[in-house]
Amino acid sequence: MRDDFARLRDISLAIERVQAETTAGQAAFNDDPKLQVWVLYHLQVVGEACRGLSESFRVRFSDPVWSKAIGLRNILIHHFFEIDQELVWQVVEGDPPLFRNVVESALKQVSEKAGDQGS
């Protein structure tokens, strides 16, 4: 079973990949169906990894980003044919930098706690 640290790394990597592949902007995203599917996949990875975070983690790091990512994942998986690419782009453009800060902060704290327990 994957632990919270591994899931946080999965989230961080998926966000990093989305940011790296969407630098050409919205027009390039709109014109490239493969990129759209690729981005949707990575957003699903983020949501699935958030869904797998332990309850104790979500209590310790209470932030609405976890439930928002899970909700987005549910929409992307269960309402695939109703996905609005404009809304997906809004998520890509607005959420990753803020979300990444939350994830990186949690990663640092979880890593430090694991290091303290190993001493």
N, C-alpha and C. Protein backbone atom coordinates (compact mmCIF):
# COMPACT_ATOMS: atom_id res chain seq x y z
N MET A 1 0.84 -1.19 0.00
CA MET A 1 0.00 0.00 0.00
C MET A 1 0.89 1.25 0.00
N ARG A 2 0.49 2.22 -0.80
CA ARG A 2 1.26 3.46 -0.88
C ARG A 2 0.99 4.33 0.35
N ASP A 3 2.03 4.93 0.86
CA ASP A 3 1.85 5.80 2.02
C ASP A 3 1.61 7.24 1.57
N ASP A 4 1.34 8.11 2.53
CA ASP A 4 1.02 9.50 2.22
C ASP A 4 2.17 10.19 1.49
N PHE A 5 3.40 9.92 1.88
CA PHE A 5 4.55 10.54 1.24
C PHE A 5 4.60 10.18 -0.25
N ALA A 6 4.39 8.90 -0.57
CA ALA A 6 4.41 8.46 -1.97
C ALA A 6 3.27 9.11 -2.75
N ARG A 7 2.11 9.21 -2.13
CA ARG A 7 0.97 9.84 -2.81
C ARG A 7 1.23 11.33 -3.06
N LEU A 8 1.85 11.99 -2.09
CA LEU A 8 2.19 13.40 -2.27
C LEU A 8 3.19 13.58 -3.41
N ARG A 9 4.14 12.67 -3.51
CA ARG A 9 5.10 12.74 -4.63
C ARG A 9 4.37 12.53 -5.95
N ASP A 10 3.40 11.60 -5.99
CA ASP A 10 2.61 11.39 -7.21
C ASP A 10 1.87 12.66 -7.60
N ILE A 11 1.29 13.33 -6.61
CA ILE A 11 0.55 14.57 -6.87
C ILE A 11 1.50 15.63 -7.41
N SER A 12 2.62 15.79 -6.75
CA SER A 12 3.60 16.79 -7.15
C SER A 12 4.09 16.56 -8.58
N LEU A 13 4.40 15.32 -8.90
CA LEU A 13 4.89 14.99 -10.23
C LEU A 13 3.81 15.24 -11.29
N ALA A 14 2.58 14.86 -11.01
CA ALA A 14 1.50 15.07 -11.97
C ALA A 14 1.27 16.56 -12.22
N ILE A 15 1.30 17.35 -11.16
CA ILE A 15 1.14 18.80 -11.32
C ILE A 15 2.29 19.37 -12.13
N GLU A 16 3.49 18.94 -11.82
CA GLU A 16 4.67 19.40 -12.56
C GLU A 16 4.55 19.08 -14.04
N ARG A 17 4.09 17.89 -14.34
CA ARG A 17 3.94 17.49 -15.74
C ARG A 17 2.88 18.32 -16.45
N VAL A 18 1.77 18.57 -15.79
CA VAL A 18 0.71 19.39 -16.40
C VAL A 18 1.25 20.79 -16.67
N GLN A 19 1.91 21.35 -15.70
CA GLN A 19 2.45 22.70 -15.90
C GLN A 19 3.46 22.74 -17.05
N ALA A 20 4.31 21.74 -17.13
CA ALA A 20 5.34 21.72 -18.18
C ALA A 20 4.75 21.55 -19.57
N GLU A 21 3.68 20.78 -19.70
CA GLU A 21 3.12 20.49 -21.01
C GLU A 21 2.09 21.50 -21.49
N THR A 22 1.71 22.45 -20.63
CA THR A 22 0.69 23.42 -21.03
C THR A 22 1.24 24.84 -21.15
N THR A 23 2.55 24.96 -21.22
CA THR A 23 3.15 26.29 -21.30
C THR A 23 2.82 27.02 -22.60
N ALA A 24 2.43 26.30 -23.64
CA ALA A 24 2.10 26.94 -24.92
C ALA A 24 0.78 27.68 -24.87
N GLY A 25 0.01 27.49 -23.82
CA GLY A 25 -1.21 28.26 -23.64
C GLY A 25 -2.49 27.54 -24.04
N GLN A 26 -3.58 28.24 -23.84
CA GLN A 26 -4.91 27.67 -24.04
C GLN A 26 -5.19 27.32 -25.49
N ALA A 27 -4.75 28.13 -26.43
CA ALA A 27 -5.02 27.84 -27.84
C ALA A 27 -4.39 26.51 -28.24
N ALA A 28 -3.15 26.28 -27.81
CA ALA A 28 -2.48 25.01 -28.11
C ALA A 28 -3.21 23.85 -27.44
N PHE A 29 -3.68 24.06 -26.22
CA PHE A 29 -4.44 23.04 -25.50
C PHE A 29 -5.73 22.72 -26.26
N ASN A 30 -6.45 23.76 -26.67
CA ASN A 30 -7.72 23.57 -27.38
C ASN A 30 -7.54 22.86 -28.71
N ASP A 31 -6.41 23.05 -29.36
CA ASP A 31 -6.16 22.48 -30.68
C ASP A 31 -5.55 21.07 -30.66
N ASP A 32 -5.27 20.55 -29.49
CA ASP A 32 -4.56 19.27 -29.39
C ASP A 32 -5.34 18.27 -28.53
N PRO A 33 -6.19 17.44 -29.16
CA PRO A 33 -6.98 16.48 -28.40
C PRO A 33 -6.12 15.51 -27.56
N LYS A 34 -4.94 15.16 -28.08
CA LYS A 34 -4.07 14.27 -27.29
C LYS A 34 -3.59 14.95 -26.02
N LEU A 35 -3.26 16.22 -26.11
CA LEU A 35 -2.85 16.97 -24.93
C LEU A 35 -4.00 17.08 -23.94
N GLN A 36 -5.21 17.28 -24.43
CA GLN A 36 -6.37 17.37 -23.56
C GLN A 36 -6.54 16.07 -22.76
N VAL A 37 -6.46 14.93 -23.45
CA VAL A 37 -6.59 13.64 -22.77
C VAL A 37 -5.45 13.45 -21.79
N TRP A 38 -4.25 13.82 -22.18
CA TRP A 38 -3.07 13.68 -21.34
C TRP A 38 -3.23 14.50 -20.05
N VAL A 39 -3.72 15.73 -20.18
CA VAL A 39 -3.94 16.59 -19.01
C VAL A 39 -5.03 15.99 -18.13
N LEU A 40 -6.11 15.53 -18.74
CA LEU A 40 -7.20 14.92 -17.96
C LEU A 40 -6.68 13.73 -17.16
N TYR A 41 -5.84 12.92 -17.78
CA TYR A 41 -5.26 11.76 -17.08
C TYR A 41 -4.49 12.22 -15.85
N HIS A 42 -3.64 13.23 -16.00
CA HIS A 42 -2.83 13.67 -14.87
C HIS A 42 -3.67 14.33 -13.78
N LEU A 43 -4.73 15.00 -14.16
CA LEU A 43 -5.64 15.54 -13.15
C LEU A 43 -6.35 14.42 -12.41
N GLN A 44 -6.65 13.33 -13.11
CA GLN A 44 -7.23 12.16 -12.45
C GLN A 44 -6.23 11.54 -11.47
N VAL A 45 -4.97 11.49 -11.86
CA VAL A 45 -3.92 10.97 -10.97
C VAL A 45 -3.88 11.80 -9.69
N VAL A 46 -3.92 13.11 -9.84
CA VAL A 46 -3.91 13.99 -8.67
C VAL A 46 -5.08 13.66 -7.75
N GLY A 47 -6.28 13.59 -8.33
CA GLY A 47 -7.46 13.30 -7.52
C GLY A 47 -7.44 11.94 -6.87
N GLU A 48 -6.96 10.95 -7.61
CA GLU A 48 -6.89 9.59 -7.05
C GLU A 48 -5.87 9.52 -5.92
N ALA A 49 -4.74 10.19 -6.09
CA ALA A 49 -3.73 10.22 -5.03
C ALA A 49 -4.28 10.95 -3.79
N CYS A 50 -5.02 12.02 -4.00
CA CYS A 50 -5.64 12.73 -2.88
C CYS A 50 -6.66 11.85 -2.17
N ARG A 51 -7.42 11.11 -2.96
CA ARG A 51 -8.43 10.21 -2.39
C ARG A 51 -7.79 9.15 -1.51
N GLY A 52 -6.56 8.77 -1.84
CA GLY A 52 -5.87 7.73 -1.08
C GLY A 52 -5.10 8.23 0.13
N LEU A 53 -5.03 9.55 0.32
CA LEU A 53 -4.34 10.06 1.51
C LEU A 53 -5.08 9.61 2.76
N SER A 54 -4.33 9.30 3.77
CA SER A 54 -4.93 8.80 5.01
C SER A 54 -5.79 9.87 5.68
N GLU A 55 -6.75 9.40 6.45
CA GLU A 55 -7.62 10.31 7.19
C GLU A 55 -6.80 11.15 8.16
N SER A 56 -5.81 10.54 8.80
CA SER A 56 -4.98 11.30 9.74
C SER A 56 -4.21 12.40 9.02
N PHE A 57 -3.77 12.12 7.79
CA PHE A 57 -3.09 13.15 7.02
C PHE A 57 -4.03 14.30 6.73
N ARG A 58 -5.24 14.01 6.28
CA ARG A 58 -6.19 15.07 5.91
C ARG A 58 -6.64 15.87 7.12
N VAL A 59 -6.63 15.24 8.30
CA VAL A 59 -6.93 15.99 9.53
C VAL A 59 -5.76 16.91 9.86
N ARG A 60 -4.57 16.39 9.77
CA ARG A 60 -3.36 17.17 10.09
C ARG A 60 -3.16 18.32 9.10
N PHE A 61 -3.39 18.06 7.83
CA PHE A 61 -3.22 19.06 6.78
C PHE A 61 -4.58 19.42 6.20
N SER A 62 -5.44 19.94 7.05
CA SER A 62 -6.79 20.26 6.59
C SER A 62 -6.73 21.45 5.65
N ASP A 63 -7.09 21.20 4.43
CA ASP A 63 -7.11 22.22 3.38
C ASP A 63 -8.14 21.78 2.36
N PRO A 64 -8.92 22.69 1.83
CA PRO A 64 -9.95 22.30 0.86
C PRO A 64 -9.39 21.76 -0.45
N VAL A 65 -8.09 21.91 -0.71
CA VAL A 65 -7.54 21.43 -1.98
C VAL A 65 -7.70 19.93 -2.14
N TRP A 66 -7.63 19.18 -1.06
CA TRP A 66 -7.72 17.72 -1.16
C TRP A 66 -9.11 17.32 -1.67
N SER A 67 -10.14 17.87 -1.04
CA SER A 67 -11.51 17.49 -1.46
C SER A 67 -11.85 18.05 -2.84
N LYS A 68 -11.30 19.22 -3.18
CA LYS A 68 -11.54 19.77 -4.52
C LYS A 68 -10.92 18.86 -5.59
N ALA A 69 -9.71 18.38 -5.34
CA ALA A 69 -9.05 17.50 -6.31
C ALA A 69 -9.81 16.18 -6.44
N ILE A 70 -10.31 15.67 -5.34
CA ILE A 70 -11.09 14.43 -5.37
C ILE A 70 -12.39 14.65 -6.14
N GLY A 71 -13.04 15.78 -5.91
CA GLY A 71 -14.27 16.11 -6.64
C GLY A 71 -14.03 16.23 -8.13
N LEU A 72 -12.92 16.87 -8.50
CA LEU A 72 -12.59 16.99 -9.92
C LEU A 72 -12.35 15.62 -10.52
N ARG A 73 -11.65 14.78 -9.81
CA ARG A 73 -11.39 13.40 -10.28
C ARG A 73 -12.71 12.68 -10.53
N ASN A 74 -13.64 12.82 -9.61
CA ASN A 74 -14.93 12.14 -9.75
C ASN A 74 -15.67 12.63 -11.00
N ILE A 75 -15.63 13.92 -11.23
CA ILE A 75 -16.27 14.47 -12.43
C ILE A 75 -15.59 13.94 -13.69
N LEU A 76 -14.26 13.96 -13.70
CA LEU A 76 -13.52 13.53 -14.89
C LEU A 76 -13.75 12.06 -15.20
N ILE A 77 -13.92 11.25 -14.18
CA ILE A 77 -14.10 9.81 -14.40
C ILE A 77 -15.56 9.45 -14.69
N HIS A 78 -16.47 10.03 -13.94
CA HIS A 78 -17.86 9.60 -14.03
C HIS A 78 -18.71 10.41 -15.01
N HIS A 79 -18.21 11.56 -15.44
CA HIS A 79 -18.97 12.40 -16.37
C HIS A 79 -18.09 12.77 -17.57
N PHE A 80 -17.36 11.81 -18.06
CA PHE A 80 -16.36 12.04 -19.08
C PHE A 80 -16.91 12.76 -20.30
N PHE A 81 -18.10 12.39 -20.73
CA PHE A 81 -18.65 12.97 -21.95
C PHE A 81 -19.25 14.36 -21.74
N GLU A 82 -19.26 14.82 -20.51
CA GLU A 82 -19.79 16.14 -20.20
C GLU A 82 -18.68 17.13 -19.84
N ILE A 83 -17.44 16.75 -19.99
CA ILE A 83 -16.32 17.60 -19.59
C ILE A 83 -16.23 18.81 -20.50
N ASP A 84 -16.13 19.96 -19.89
CA ASP A 84 -15.99 21.23 -20.60
C ASP A 84 -14.50 21.60 -20.59
N GLN A 85 -13.89 21.59 -21.77
CA GLN A 85 -12.46 21.87 -21.87
C GLN A 85 -12.10 23.27 -21.37
N GLU A 86 -13.02 24.20 -21.48
CA GLU A 86 -12.79 25.55 -20.97
C GLU A 86 -12.61 25.52 -19.45
N LEU A 87 -13.45 24.76 -18.79
CA LEU A 87 -13.32 24.63 -17.33
C LEU A 87 -12.04 23.89 -16.95
N VAL A 88 -11.68 22.87 -17.73
CA VAL A 88 -10.42 22.16 -17.48
C VAL A 88 -9.26 23.15 -17.60
N TRP A 89 -9.29 23.97 -18.63
CA TRP A 89 -8.21 24.95 -18.79
C TRP A 89 -8.16 25.91 -17.61
N GLN A 90 -9.31 26.32 -17.10
CA GLN A 90 -9.33 27.20 -15.93
C GLN A 90 -8.65 26.54 -14.74
N VAL A 91 -8.87 25.25 -14.58
CA VAL A 91 -8.20 24.51 -13.51
C VAL A 91 -6.70 24.51 -13.75
N VAL A 92 -6.30 24.19 -14.98
CA VAL A 92 -4.88 24.13 -15.33
C VAL A 92 -4.20 25.48 -15.12
N GLU A 93 -4.86 26.52 -15.50
CA GLU A 93 -4.29 27.86 -15.43
C GLU A 93 -4.26 28.40 -14.01
N GLY A 94 -5.26 28.07 -13.22
CA GLY A 94 -5.36 28.70 -11.91
C GLY A 94 -4.93 27.89 -10.71
N ASP A 95 -5.18 26.60 -10.73
CA ASP A 95 -5.00 25.80 -9.52
C ASP A 95 -3.60 25.23 -9.27
N PRO A 96 -2.91 24.72 -10.26
CA PRO A 96 -1.65 24.01 -9.96
C PRO A 96 -0.61 24.77 -9.14
N PRO A 97 -0.33 26.04 -9.43
CA PRO A 97 0.69 26.70 -8.61
C PRO A 97 0.32 26.77 -7.13
N LEU A 98 -0.95 27.09 -6.85
CA LEU A 98 -1.39 27.16 -5.46
C LEU A 98 -1.40 25.78 -4.82
N PHE A 99 -1.93 24.81 -5.55
CA PHE A 99 -2.01 23.44 -5.04
C PHE A 99 -0.61 22.88 -4.81
N ARG A 100 0.28 23.19 -5.73
CA ARG A 100 1.64 22.67 -5.61
C ARG A 100 2.32 23.19 -4.34
N ASN A 101 2.05 24.44 -3.97
CA ASN A 101 2.61 24.99 -2.73
C ASN A 101 2.12 24.21 -1.52
N VAL A 102 0.84 23.88 -1.50
CA VAL A 102 0.28 23.11 -0.39
C VAL A 102 0.93 21.72 -0.35
N VAL A 103 1.05 21.09 -1.51
CA VAL A 103 1.63 19.75 -1.59
C VAL A 103 3.09 19.77 -1.16
N GLU A 104 3.85 20.73 -1.65
CA GLU A 104 5.28 20.80 -1.32
C GLU A 104 5.48 21.04 0.18
N SER A 105 4.66 21.88 0.76
CA SER A 105 4.73 22.12 2.21
C SER A 105 4.43 20.84 2.99
N ALA A 106 3.38 20.14 2.57
CA ALA A 106 3.03 18.88 3.24
C ALA A 106 4.13 17.84 3.06
N LEU A 107 4.68 17.76 1.85
CA LEU A 107 5.77 16.81 1.59
C LEU A 107 6.95 17.07 2.52
N LYS A 108 7.30 18.32 2.67
CA LYS A 108 8.42 18.68 3.54
C LYS A 108 8.15 18.26 4.98
N GLN A 109 6.95 18.55 5.45
CA GLN A 109 6.61 18.21 6.84
C GLN A 109 6.53 16.71 7.05
N VAL A 110 5.96 15.99 6.10
CA VAL A 110 5.86 14.53 6.22
C VAL A 110 7.26 13.92 6.18
N SER A 111 8.11 14.44 5.31
CA SER A 111 9.48 13.95 5.20
C SER A 111 10.25 14.20 6.48
N GLU A 112 10.10 15.40 7.07
CA GLU A 112 10.80 15.72 8.32
C GLU A 112 10.31 14.84 9.45
N LYS A 113 9.01 14.58 9.50
CA LYS A 113 8.44 13.73 10.55
C LYS A 113 8.99 12.31 10.41
N ALA A 114 9.08 11.80 9.18
CA ALA A 114 9.61 10.46 8.95
C ALA A 114 11.08 10.40 9.36
N GLY A 115 11.82 11.49 9.11
CA GLY A 115 13.22 11.55 9.50
C GLY A 115 13.38 11.57 11.00
N ASP A 116 12.47 12.27 11.70
CA ASP A 116 12.51 12.32 13.16
C ASP A 116 12.24 10.95 13.77
N GLN A 117 11.35 10.19 13.16
CA GLN A 117 11.00 8.87 13.69
C GLN A 117 12.12 7.87 13.46
N GLY A 118 12.95 8.12 12.44
CA GLY A 118 14.04 7.20 12.14
C GLY A 118 15.23 7.42 13.03
N SER A 119 15.26 8.52 13.80
CA SER A 119 16.42 8.84 14.66
C SER A 119 16.36 8.10 15.95
